Amino acid sequence: MDNIGYVLYICLLIPMLLSLFVFEKKSRIVVVYMLIGTTVCIFISEFNGFLYTEMKKDMLYFCTAVSPITEEIIKALPVLFFALFISDKRQDLVQISFATGLGFAIMESTTMLTQNMDSINIIWAVVRGFGAGLMHSVCTIFVGMGISFVKKKRKLFFSGLIALLMLAITYHSIYNTIVMSDYKYFGFVLPLATYLPILIFYHTLKAPKKRDAA
């Protein structure tokens, strides 16, 4: 991460921190986890840069076999902390999971924007938003929504958590593999095609509770 990355991070950090004094509790938690996501992006970019230099592998290998592992494990940690110490309610976990991935994606995309100003345009922004921008949140939702199912089943918790991480890592790796191939445009559609069923499933799970409350 070069200096411009840290400048962008500070530009995002300060107003979002100040917003915490205005928002109420639930909104505040979402903003906090967006900030966590941006911070995770800064950290993992440095860590991945170090690994890339030390491993001396080509970019295709690194982006398909290494960075999905490091990024998804680090993104999952704040979600796991939330589930263990704050709340394991499905709605809360889905929201903070999406917020973590969203913060990560915003930081990553803005950094890429400043590094490639001469070669990008509005089409790039749209494709990036629906592609990697959404992919990071989808991967984190896999973990957050999954934890809400396995958290209360002690025998399944650890094995279930590992399975959820493997799912997120594999999905991330598949996405990176496709977008770095000749079929990259199919990769950009993948996150949206995954997000819509997740959204429907999430709201379907919420619907019975609303009817019971009525």
Foldseek 3Di string as FASTA:
>chain_A
DDPVLVVVLVVLPVVLVVCLVVDDDLVNLLSVLLNVLLVLLVVLVVVLVVVCVVVVDDPLCCQQPPSLLSSLVSLQVVLVVCVVPPHLDLVSLLSSLLSSLQSNLVSVVVVVCVVPVPPDDVVNVVLSCLASNLLSSLLSSLQSNQCSVCVVPVVCNVVSNVVSSVVSSNLSSVLSNCCVDPNNSVSSCVSVVSVVVVVVVVVVVVVVVVVVVD
